[in-house]
Amino acid sequence: QVQLVESGGGLVQTGGSLRLSCVASLSTGLFNFFGWYRQAPGKQRELVARITFGGSINYVDSVKGRFSISRDNVKNTVYLQMNHLKPEDTAVYYCGAQRRLPKGDYWGQGTQVTVSS
């Protein structure tokens, strides 16, 4: 059974930083990619950042230059470093991953990030 467990959310002031962690129950090498997604109230879930098995990284335009995704294959953990946070970053952040074989998509339970103005 694949499990993804997020942590690191919280309340922070505008301009502050947080680091989210996503610990996978299997080796990160077994996944095609890991992604951080967020969903604000009344909005659809959106992809924030993604890192592939080969190390390719992409970000949604609104977080470029402020957020950084990284991976620690020894700890089976994917991180999202969030700097210069803005109130519009407030959302529930989810870790998502696609396993290679057998193919499957998995989600964590989410962690709340609230940025106060």
C-alpha atoms as a PDB file:
ATOM      1  CA  GLN A   1       0.000   0.000   0.000  1.00  0.00           C
ATOM      2  CA  VAL A   2       1.410   3.354  -1.042  1.00  0.00           C
ATOM      3  CA  GLN A   3       1.176   6.150   1.473  1.00  0.00           C
ATOM      4  CA  LEU A   4       2.184   9.766   1.153  1.00  0.00           C
ATOM      5  CA  VAL A   5       2.337  11.765   4.363  1.00  0.00           C
ATOM      6  CA  GLU A   6       2.674  15.543   4.233  1.00  0.00           C
ATOM      7  CA  SER A   7       3.804  17.821   7.007  1.00  0.00           C
ATOM      8  CA  GLY A   8       5.098  21.326   7.490  1.00  0.00           C
ATOM      9  CA  GLY A   9       2.039  23.460   6.927  1.00  0.00           C
ATOM     10  CA  GLY A  10       1.002  26.229   9.248  1.00  0.00           C
ATOM     11  CA  LEU A  11       0.271  29.906   9.700  1.00  0.00           C
ATOM     12  CA  VAL A  12       2.827  32.409   8.516  1.00  0.00           C
ATOM     13  CA  GLN A  13       2.898  36.134   7.803  1.00  0.00           C
ATOM     14  CA  THR A  14       3.284  37.613   4.351  1.00  0.00           C
ATOM     15  CA  GLY A  15       6.886  37.321   3.266  1.00  0.00           C
ATOM     16  CA  GLY A  16       7.561  34.343   5.487  1.00  0.00           C
ATOM     17  CA  SER A  17       8.729  30.861   4.618  1.00  0.00           C
ATOM     18  CA  LEU A  18       7.613  27.297   5.133  1.00  0.00           C
ATOM     19  CA  ARG A  19       8.988  23.945   4.054  1.00  0.00           C
ATOM     20  CA  LEU A  20       6.577  21.160   3.289  1.00  0.00           C
ATOM     21  CA  SER A  21       7.641  17.527   3.397  1.00  0.00           C
ATOM     22  CA  CYS A  22       6.093  14.502   1.726  1.00  0.00           C
ATOM     23  CA  VAL A  23       7.310  11.130   2.950  1.00  0.00           C
ATOM     24  CA  ALA A  24       6.563   8.164   0.703  1.00  0.00           C
ATOM     25  CA  SER A  25       6.126   4.633   2.006  1.00  0.00           C
ATOM     26  CA  LEU A  26       8.053   3.319  -0.998  1.00  0.00           C
ATOM     27  CA  SER A  27      11.290   4.349  -2.630  1.00  0.00           C
ATOM     28  CA  THR A  28      10.934   7.591  -4.564  1.00  0.00           C
ATOM     29  CA  GLY A  29      12.687   5.824  -7.417  1.00  0.00           C
ATOM     30  CA  LEU A  30       9.550   3.755  -8.036  1.00  0.00           C
ATOM     31  CA  PHE A  31       7.556   6.802  -9.087  1.00  0.00           C
ATOM     32  CA  ASN A  32       7.370   8.610 -12.413  1.00  0.00           C
ATOM     33  CA  PHE A  33       6.962  11.933 -10.676  1.00  0.00           C
ATOM     34  CA  PHE A  34       6.039  13.692  -7.476  1.00  0.00           C
ATOM     35  CA  GLY A  35       4.009  16.859  -7.444  1.00  0.00           C
ATOM     36  CA  TRP A  36       2.857  19.452  -4.988  1.00  0.00           C
ATOM     37  CA  TYR A  37      -0.667  20.661  -5.613  1.00  0.00           C
ATOM     38  CA  ARG A  38      -2.841  23.160  -3.807  1.00  0.00           C
ATOM     39  CA  GLN A  39      -6.516  23.845  -3.480  1.00  0.00           C
ATOM     40  CA  ALA A  40      -7.900  27.098  -2.150  1.00  0.00           C
ATOM     41  CA  PRO A  41     -11.533  27.405  -1.005  1.00  0.00           C
ATOM     42  CA  GLY A  42     -13.860  27.573  -3.984  1.00  0.00           C
ATOM     43  CA  LYS A  43     -11.083  26.869  -6.474  1.00  0.00           C
ATOM     44  CA  GLN A  44      -9.890  23.845  -8.363  1.00  0.00           C
ATOM     45  CA  ARG A  45      -6.800  21.962  -7.330  1.00  0.00           C
ATOM     46  CA  GLU A  46      -3.755  23.196  -9.240  1.00  0.00           C
ATOM     47  CA  LEU A  47      -0.284  21.854  -9.788  1.00  0.00           C
ATOM     48  CA  VAL A  48       2.277  24.019  -8.024  1.00  0.00           C
ATOM     49  CA  ALA A  49       5.509  22.155  -8.688  1.00  0.00           C
ATOM     50  CA  ARG A  50       6.556  18.799 -10.057  1.00  0.00           C
ATOM     51  CA  ILE A  51       9.735  16.769 -10.144  1.00  0.00           C
ATOM     52  CA  THR A  52      10.087  13.760 -12.417  1.00  0.00           C
ATOM     53  CA  PHE A  53      12.051  10.550 -11.941  1.00  0.00           C
ATOM     54  CA  GLY A  54      14.741  11.982 -14.188  1.00  0.00           C
ATOM     55  CA  GLY A  55      14.931  15.195 -12.195  1.00  0.00           C
ATOM     56  CA  SER A  56      13.039  17.536 -14.503  1.00  0.00           C
ATOM     57  CA  ILE A  57      11.276  20.272 -12.586  1.00  0.00           C
ATOM     58  CA  ASN A  58       8.488  22.646 -13.475  1.00  0.00           C
ATOM     59  CA  TYR A  59       6.517  25.258 -11.572  1.00  0.00           C
ATOM     60  CA  VAL A  60       3.303  27.138 -12.038  1.00  0.00           C
ATOM     61  CA  ASP A  61       4.115  30.712 -13.055  1.00  0.00           C
ATOM     62  CA  SER A  62       2.756  32.243  -9.856  1.00  0.00           C
ATOM     63  CA  VAL A  63       5.404  30.562  -7.686  1.00  0.00           C
ATOM     64  CA  LYS A  64       8.459  30.732  -9.936  1.00  0.00           C
ATOM     65  CA  GLY A  65      11.374  32.274  -8.116  1.00  0.00           C
ATOM     66  CA  ARG A  66       9.719  31.782  -4.719  1.00  0.00           C
ATOM     67  CA  PHE A  67       9.132  28.034  -4.371  1.00  0.00           C
ATOM     68  CA  SER A  68      11.577  25.191  -4.832  1.00  0.00           C
ATOM     69  CA  ILE A  69      10.864  21.478  -5.079  1.00  0.00           C
ATOM     70  CA  SER A  70      13.507  18.929  -4.202  1.00  0.00           C
ATOM     71  CA  ARG A  71      13.859  15.242  -3.467  1.00  0.00           C
ATOM     72  CA  ASP A  72      15.885  13.158  -1.019  1.00  0.00           C
ATOM     73  CA  ASN A  73      15.966   9.600  -2.364  1.00  0.00           C
ATOM     74  CA  VAL A  74      17.583   8.259   0.807  1.00  0.00           C
ATOM     75  CA  LYS A  75      14.781   9.575   2.990  1.00  0.00           C
ATOM     76  CA  ASN A  76      12.068   8.893   0.383  1.00  0.00           C
ATOM     77  CA  THR A  77      10.992  12.465   0.883  1.00  0.00           C
ATOM     78  CA  VAL A  78      10.005  15.287  -1.440  1.00  0.00           C
ATOM     79  CA  TYR A  79      10.150  18.865  -0.198  1.00  0.00           C
ATOM     80  CA  LEU A  80       8.568  22.133  -1.191  1.00  0.00           C
ATOM     81  CA  GLN A  81      10.468  25.150   0.080  1.00  0.00           C
ATOM     82  CA  MET A  82       8.178  28.155  -0.019  1.00  0.00           C
ATOM     83  CA  ASN A  83       9.694  31.617   0.383  1.00  0.00           C
ATOM     84  CA  HIS A  84       8.240  35.100   0.118  1.00  0.00           C
ATOM     85  CA  LEU A  85       4.787  33.742   0.828  1.00  0.00           C
ATOM     86  CA  LYS A  86       1.752  35.759  -0.157  1.00  0.00           C
ATOM     87  CA  PRO A  87      -1.859  35.633   1.063  1.00  0.00           C
ATOM     88  CA  GLU A  88      -2.855  34.147  -2.295  1.00  0.00           C
ATOM     89  CA  ASP A  89      -0.685  31.120  -1.485  1.00  0.00           C
ATOM     90  CA  THR A  90      -3.171  30.175   1.220  1.00  0.00           C
ATOM     91  CA  ALA A  91      -4.538  26.723   0.444  1.00  0.00           C
ATOM     92  CA  VAL A  92      -4.457  23.080   1.376  1.00  0.00           C
ATOM     93  CA  TYR A  93      -1.304  21.647  -0.152  1.00  0.00           C
ATOM     94  CA  TYR A  94      -1.286  18.054  -1.337  1.00  0.00           C
ATOM     95  CA  CYS A  95       1.500  15.746  -2.338  1.00  0.00           C
ATOM     96  CA  GLY A  96       0.693  13.600  -5.340  1.00  0.00           C
ATOM     97  CA  ALA A  97       2.678  10.909  -7.066  1.00  0.00           C
ATOM     98  CA  GLN A  98       2.398   8.491  -9.944  1.00  0.00           C
ATOM     99  CA  ARG A  99       3.833   5.057  -9.409  1.00  0.00           C
ATOM    100  CA  ARG A 100       5.538   3.474 -12.387  1.00  0.00           C
ATOM    101  CA  LEU A 101       4.595  -0.202 -12.018  1.00  0.00           C
ATOM    102  CA  PRO A 102       1.927  -1.080 -11.315  1.00  0.00           C
ATOM    103  CA  LYS A 103       0.776   2.291 -12.553  1.00  0.00           C
ATOM    104  CA  GLY A 104      -1.249   4.261 -10.080  1.00  0.00           C
ATOM    105  CA  ASP A 105      -1.861   7.763  -8.784  1.00  0.00           C
ATOM    106  CA  TYR A 106      -1.619   8.487  -5.085  1.00  0.00           C
ATOM    107  CA  TRP A 107      -2.381  11.459  -2.833  1.00  0.00           C
ATOM    108  CA  GLY A 108      -1.502  12.537   0.627  1.00  0.00           C
ATOM    109  CA  GLN A 109      -4.002  13.848   3.127  1.00  0.00           C
ATOM    110  CA  GLY A 110      -3.052  17.489   2.641  1.00  0.00           C
ATOM    111  CA  THR A 111      -1.561  20.136   4.883  1.00  0.00           C
ATOM    112  CA  GLN A 112      -2.994  23.605   5.432  1.00  0.00           C
ATOM    113  CA  VAL A 113      -0.911  26.656   4.601  1.00  0.00           C
ATOM    114  CA  THR A 114      -2.295  30.003   5.699  1.00  0.00           C
ATOM    115  CA  VAL A 115      -0.542  33.267   4.903  1.00  0.00           C
ATOM    116  CA  SER A 116      -1.789  36.275   6.822  1.00  0.00           C
ATOM    117  CA  SER A 117      -1.580  39.792   5.414  1.00  0.00           C
END
